[in-house]
């Protein structure tokens, strides 16, 4: 085999894309994958929001920080209303992280395999 034929095999055009070629399992796997990606990103946004609140010299009510508060407040409010303050400590954010991590790990364990 010469170099030209090897190069043509390597850089061969992919098969044509057919959107109707997907199975129902492929679509469900894709939805689960995007949910995992979204929840992982939301996990880091929530981590950033709670880390910023530890610093008293950062004003959380200016534009970039307020967007973080607005994006994560509805999720944290669910746990603040459900879990009471114990000995002056608010454990709701820790429970929110545990719940979010549980959702991510559950979605990671779900995989629909194609039929043989």
C-alpha atoms as a PDB file:
ATOM      1  CA  UNK A   1       0.000   0.000   0.000  1.00  0.00           C
ATOM      2  CA  UNK A   2       1.262   3.397  -0.855  1.00  0.00           C
ATOM      3  CA  UNK A   3       0.965   6.507   1.289  1.00  0.00           C
ATOM      4  CA  UNK A   4      -1.832   7.998  -0.801  1.00  0.00           C
ATOM      5  CA  UNK A   5      -4.194   5.044  -0.278  1.00  0.00           C
ATOM      6  CA  UNK A   6      -3.471   5.018   3.471  1.00  0.00           C
ATOM      7  CA  UNK A   7      -4.175   8.763   3.648  1.00  0.00           C
ATOM      8  CA  UNK A   8      -7.450   8.300   1.770  1.00  0.00           C
ATOM      9  CA  UNK A   9      -8.520   5.588   4.209  1.00  0.00           C
ATOM     10  CA  UNK A  10      -7.698   7.771   7.207  1.00  0.00           C
ATOM     11  CA  UNK A  11      -9.438  10.880   5.871  1.00  0.00           C
ATOM     12  CA  UNK A  12     -12.418   9.094   4.427  1.00  0.00           C
ATOM     13  CA  UNK A  13     -15.702  10.983   4.531  1.00  0.00           C
ATOM     14  CA  UNK A  14     -18.093   9.967   7.312  1.00  0.00           C
ATOM     15  CA  UNK A  15     -21.317   8.217   6.370  1.00  0.00           C
ATOM     16  CA  UNK A  16     -24.237  10.528   5.616  1.00  0.00           C
ATOM     17  CA  UNK A  17     -26.219  11.683   8.638  1.00  0.00           C
ATOM     18  CA  UNK A  18     -29.792  10.479   8.810  1.00  0.00           C
ATOM     19  CA  UNK A  19     -31.835  12.016  11.672  1.00  0.00           C
ATOM     20  CA  UNK A  20     -34.396   9.203  11.404  1.00  0.00           C
ATOM     21  CA  UNK A  21     -31.718   6.619  12.136  1.00  0.00           C
ATOM     22  CA  UNK A  22     -31.963   7.171  15.907  1.00  0.00           C
ATOM     23  CA  UNK A  23     -33.676   4.675  18.146  1.00  0.00           C
ATOM     24  CA  UNK A  24     -35.824   5.660  21.092  1.00  0.00           C
ATOM     25  CA  UNK A  25     -32.984   4.458  23.352  1.00  0.00           C
ATOM     26  CA  UNK A  26     -30.529   6.811  21.659  1.00  0.00           C
ATOM     27  CA  UNK A  27     -32.815   9.772  22.231  1.00  0.00           C
ATOM     28  CA  UNK A  28     -33.336   8.858  25.896  1.00  0.00           C
ATOM     29  CA  UNK A  29     -29.573   8.417  26.380  1.00  0.00           C
ATOM     30  CA  UNK A  30     -28.996  11.830  24.831  1.00  0.00           C
ATOM     31  CA  UNK A  31     -31.586  13.465  27.106  1.00  0.00           C
ATOM     32  CA  UNK A  32     -30.028  11.812  30.158  1.00  0.00           C
ATOM     33  CA  UNK A  33     -26.569  12.957  29.052  1.00  0.00           C
ATOM     34  CA  UNK A  34     -27.679  16.583  28.712  1.00  0.00           C
ATOM     35  CA  UNK A  35     -29.401  16.427  32.101  1.00  0.00           C
ATOM     36  CA  UNK A  36     -26.143  15.169  33.653  1.00  0.00           C
ATOM     37  CA  UNK A  37     -24.166  17.981  32.032  1.00  0.00           C
ATOM     38  CA  UNK A  38     -26.681  20.594  33.165  1.00  0.00           C
ATOM     39  CA  UNK A  39     -26.745  19.300  36.750  1.00  0.00           C
ATOM     40  CA  UNK A  40     -22.936  19.190  36.938  1.00  0.00           C
ATOM     41  CA  UNK A  41     -22.741  22.800  35.761  1.00  0.00           C
ATOM     42  CA  UNK A  42     -25.466  23.794  38.195  1.00  0.00           C
ATOM     43  CA  UNK A  43     -23.485  22.064  40.971  1.00  0.00           C
ATOM     44  CA  UNK A  44     -20.495  24.307  40.250  1.00  0.00           C
ATOM     45  CA  UNK A  45     -22.673  27.423  40.032  1.00  0.00           C
ATOM     46  CA  UNK A  46     -24.139  26.537  43.418  1.00  0.00           C
ATOM     47  CA  UNK A  47     -20.641  25.959  44.825  1.00  0.00           C
ATOM     48  CA  UNK A  48     -19.514  29.333  43.530  1.00  0.00           C
ATOM     49  CA  UNK A  49     -22.556  31.081  44.999  1.00  0.00           C
ATOM     50  CA  UNK A  50     -22.069  29.573  48.452  1.00  0.00           C
ATOM     51  CA  UNK A  51     -18.321  30.243  48.371  1.00  0.00           C
ATOM     52  CA  UNK A  52     -18.873  33.911  47.545  1.00  0.00           C
ATOM     53  CA  UNK A  53     -21.225  34.298  50.498  1.00  0.00           C
ATOM     54  CA  UNK A  54     -18.394  33.377  52.880  1.00  0.00           C
ATOM     55  CA  UNK A  55     -16.519  36.603  52.021  1.00  0.00           C
ATOM     56  CA  UNK A  56     -18.115  39.620  53.735  1.00  0.00           C
ATOM     57  CA  UNK A  57     -16.333  42.185  51.556  1.00  0.00           C
ATOM     58  CA  UNK A  58     -17.967  40.926  48.328  1.00  0.00           C
ATOM     59  CA  UNK A  59     -21.336  42.524  47.731  1.00  0.00           C
ATOM     60  CA  UNK A  60     -23.575  39.723  46.415  1.00  0.00           C
ATOM     61  CA  UNK A  61     -26.243  42.154  45.217  1.00  0.00           C
ATOM     62  CA  UNK A  62     -24.309  43.662  42.313  1.00  0.00           C
ATOM     63  CA  UNK A  63     -24.781  42.383  38.782  1.00  0.00           C
ATOM     64  CA  UNK A  64     -22.567  39.269  38.323  1.00  0.00           C
ATOM     65  CA  UNK A  65     -23.114  37.961  41.831  1.00  0.00           C
ATOM     66  CA  UNK A  66     -26.825  38.736  41.821  1.00  0.00           C
ATOM     67  CA  UNK A  67     -27.221  36.527  38.740  1.00  0.00           C
ATOM     68  CA  UNK A  68     -25.777  33.619  40.735  1.00  0.00           C
ATOM     69  CA  UNK A  69     -28.146  34.290  43.604  1.00  0.00           C
ATOM     70  CA  UNK A  70     -31.107  34.549  41.273  1.00  0.00           C
ATOM     71  CA  UNK A  71     -30.157  31.328  39.435  1.00  0.00           C
ATOM     72  CA  UNK A  72     -29.711  29.239  42.582  1.00  0.00           C
ATOM     73  CA  UNK A  73     -32.144  30.729  45.069  1.00  0.00           C
ATOM     74  CA  UNK A  74     -35.200  28.779  43.930  1.00  0.00           C
ATOM     75  CA  UNK A  75     -33.359  25.476  44.455  1.00  0.00           C
ATOM     76  CA  UNK A  76     -32.039  26.414  47.890  1.00  0.00           C
ATOM     77  CA  UNK A  77     -35.418  27.780  49.030  1.00  0.00           C
ATOM     78  CA  UNK A  78     -36.913  24.300  48.678  1.00  0.00           C
ATOM     79  CA  UNK A  79     -34.510  23.025  51.333  1.00  0.00           C
ATOM     80  CA  UNK A  80     -34.651  26.111  53.570  1.00  0.00           C
ATOM     81  CA  UNK A  81     -38.396  25.696  53.936  1.00  0.00           C
ATOM     82  CA  UNK A  82     -38.082  21.966  54.600  1.00  0.00           C
ATOM     83  CA  UNK A  83     -35.077  21.741  56.953  1.00  0.00           C
ATOM     84  CA  UNK A  84     -35.056  23.832  60.152  1.00  0.00           C
ATOM     85  CA  UNK A  85     -32.040  25.656  61.554  1.00  0.00           C
ATOM     86  CA  UNK A  86     -30.350  23.379  64.085  1.00  0.00           C
ATOM     87  CA  UNK A  87     -28.312  25.029  66.883  1.00  0.00           C
ATOM     88  CA  UNK A  88     -27.895  28.164  64.770  1.00  0.00           C
ATOM     89  CA  UNK A  89     -26.558  26.249  61.775  1.00  0.00           C
ATOM     90  CA  UNK A  90     -28.381  26.227  58.462  1.00  0.00           C
ATOM     91  CA  UNK A  91     -27.988  22.715  57.084  1.00  0.00           C
ATOM     92  CA  UNK A  92     -30.229  23.268  54.071  1.00  0.00           C
ATOM     93  CA  UNK A  93     -27.394  24.036  51.641  1.00  0.00           C
ATOM     94  CA  UNK A  94     -25.579  20.849  52.630  1.00  0.00           C
ATOM     95  CA  UNK A  95     -28.759  18.858  52.051  1.00  0.00           C
ATOM     96  CA  UNK A  96     -29.194  20.608  48.688  1.00  0.00           C
ATOM     97  CA  UNK A  97     -25.684  19.496  47.671  1.00  0.00           C
ATOM     98  CA  UNK A  98     -26.390  15.936  48.777  1.00  0.00           C
ATOM     99  CA  UNK A  99     -29.628  15.885  46.785  1.00  0.00           C
ATOM    100  CA  UNK A 100     -27.951  17.347  43.700  1.00  0.00           C
ATOM    101  CA  UNK A 101     -25.090  14.853  43.929  1.00  0.00           C
ATOM    102  CA  UNK A 102     -27.608  12.013  44.294  1.00  0.00           C
ATOM    103  CA  UNK A 103     -29.427  13.160  41.149  1.00  0.00           C
ATOM    104  CA  UNK A 104     -26.165  13.316  39.186  1.00  0.00           C
ATOM    105  CA  UNK A 105     -25.033   9.861  40.305  1.00  0.00           C
ATOM    106  CA  UNK A 106     -28.439   8.349  39.598  1.00  0.00           C
ATOM    107  CA  UNK A 107     -28.405   9.744  36.067  1.00  0.00           C
ATOM    108  CA  UNK A 108     -24.849   8.467  35.573  1.00  0.00           C
ATOM    109  CA  UNK A 109     -25.950   4.943  36.459  1.00  0.00           C
ATOM    110  CA  UNK A 110     -28.767   4.932  33.878  1.00  0.00           C
ATOM    111  CA  UNK A 111     -27.752   3.693  30.440  1.00  0.00           C
ATOM    112  CA  UNK A 112     -30.031   2.192  27.835  1.00  0.00           C
ATOM    113  CA  UNK A 113     -28.112  -0.344  25.775  1.00  0.00           C
ATOM    114  CA  UNK A 114     -29.041  -1.016  22.159  1.00  0.00           C
ATOM    115  CA  UNK A 115     -30.678  -4.315  21.397  1.00  0.00           C
ATOM    116  CA  UNK A 116     -28.299  -6.845  19.814  1.00  0.00           C
END
